[in-house]
Protein backbone atom coordinates (compact mmCIF):
# COMPACT_ATOMS: atom_id res chain seq x y z
CA MET A 1 135.77 93.55 94.79
CA ARG A 2 134.96 91.67 91.62
CA ILE A 3 137.54 91.91 88.85
CA ASN A 4 136.60 91.18 85.26
CA HIS A 5 139.60 89.87 83.37
CA GLN A 6 140.88 88.04 80.34
CA THR A 7 143.42 85.26 80.81
CA VAL A 8 146.48 85.18 78.56
CA ILE A 9 147.63 81.63 77.83
CA ASP A 10 151.25 80.71 77.08
CA SER A 11 152.46 78.32 74.37
CA GLN A 12 152.04 75.35 76.76
CA GLY A 13 148.40 76.24 77.39
CA GLN A 14 149.05 77.56 80.91
CA PRO A 15 147.76 80.88 82.28
CA ALA A 16 150.54 83.44 81.89
CA ALA A 17 148.89 86.78 82.61
CA ALA A 18 145.60 88.50 83.26
CA LEU A 19 144.30 91.57 81.48
CA ILE A 20 142.13 93.71 83.74
CA PRO A 21 140.27 96.96 83.23
CA TRP A 22 142.37 100.05 83.98
CA GLY A 23 139.99 101.26 86.70
CA ASP A 24 140.32 97.92 88.55
CA PHE A 25 144.10 98.14 88.26
CA LEU A 26 144.09 101.63 89.76
CA ARG A 27 141.89 100.53 92.69
CA ILE A 28 144.13 97.52 93.37
CA ARG A 29 147.25 99.66 93.16
CA GLU A 30 145.76 102.15 95.63
CA MET A 31 144.98 99.30 98.01
CA ILE A 32 148.49 97.84 97.74
CA ASP A 33 150.18 101.24 98.00
CA GLY A 34 148.35 101.79 101.27
CA ASP A 35 145.66 104.30 100.37
CA GLY A 36 142.75 103.35 102.61
CA VAL A 37 144.44 100.19 103.91
CA SER A 38 145.35 99.70 107.54
CA GLU A 39 148.88 98.62 108.45
CA GLU A 40 147.52 95.18 109.43
CA GLU A 41 145.81 94.81 106.03
CA ALA A 42 148.99 95.95 104.28
CA VAL A 43 151.01 93.28 106.10
CA VAL A 44 148.53 90.60 105.07
CA LEU A 45 148.59 91.79 101.45
CA ARG A 46 152.41 91.74 101.38
CA GLU A 47 152.46 88.22 102.87
CA ALA A 48 149.90 87.02 100.31
CA GLU A 49 151.94 88.52 97.48
CA ALA A 50 155.10 86.82 98.78
CA ASP A 51 153.23 83.48 98.98
CA ARG A 52 151.91 83.95 95.44
CA ARG A 53 155.35 84.77 94.07
CA SER A 54 156.93 81.76 95.79
CA GLY A 55 154.18 79.40 94.58
CA ASN A 56 152.94 78.61 98.09
CA ASP A 57 149.45 77.42 97.10
CA ASP A 58 148.86 76.10 100.63
CA ALA A 59 148.59 79.71 101.83
CA PHE A 60 145.40 80.18 99.82
CA TYR A 61 141.93 78.75 100.29
CA ASP A 62 140.64 76.61 97.43
CA LEU A 63 137.71 78.35 95.70
CA SER A 64 135.79 75.09 95.18
CA ALA A 65 136.11 74.23 98.87
CA LEU A 66 134.99 77.73 99.84
CA LYS A 67 131.92 77.51 97.59
CA THR A 68 131.04 74.14 99.11
CA GLU A 69 131.49 75.47 102.64
CA LEU A 70 129.29 78.47 101.88
CA SER A 71 126.74 76.35 99.97
CA LEU A 72 127.26 78.35 96.79
CA PRO A 73 126.76 76.95 93.28
């Protein structure tokens, strides 16, 4: 799923929020709420959300590294 967004910057110039289209929000909410998501996928999503909230960046794959690995521009 590709999500178009606008980034909201705080007074220190850091990303503070993302504005996304309503339809994308509804699809994401359905996925998180479990509509069409297996229990295994729901567990992974909850773990990823917990890692994001705690600032555990090591739990996520670096986009630049992924692009390099996949030979993408």
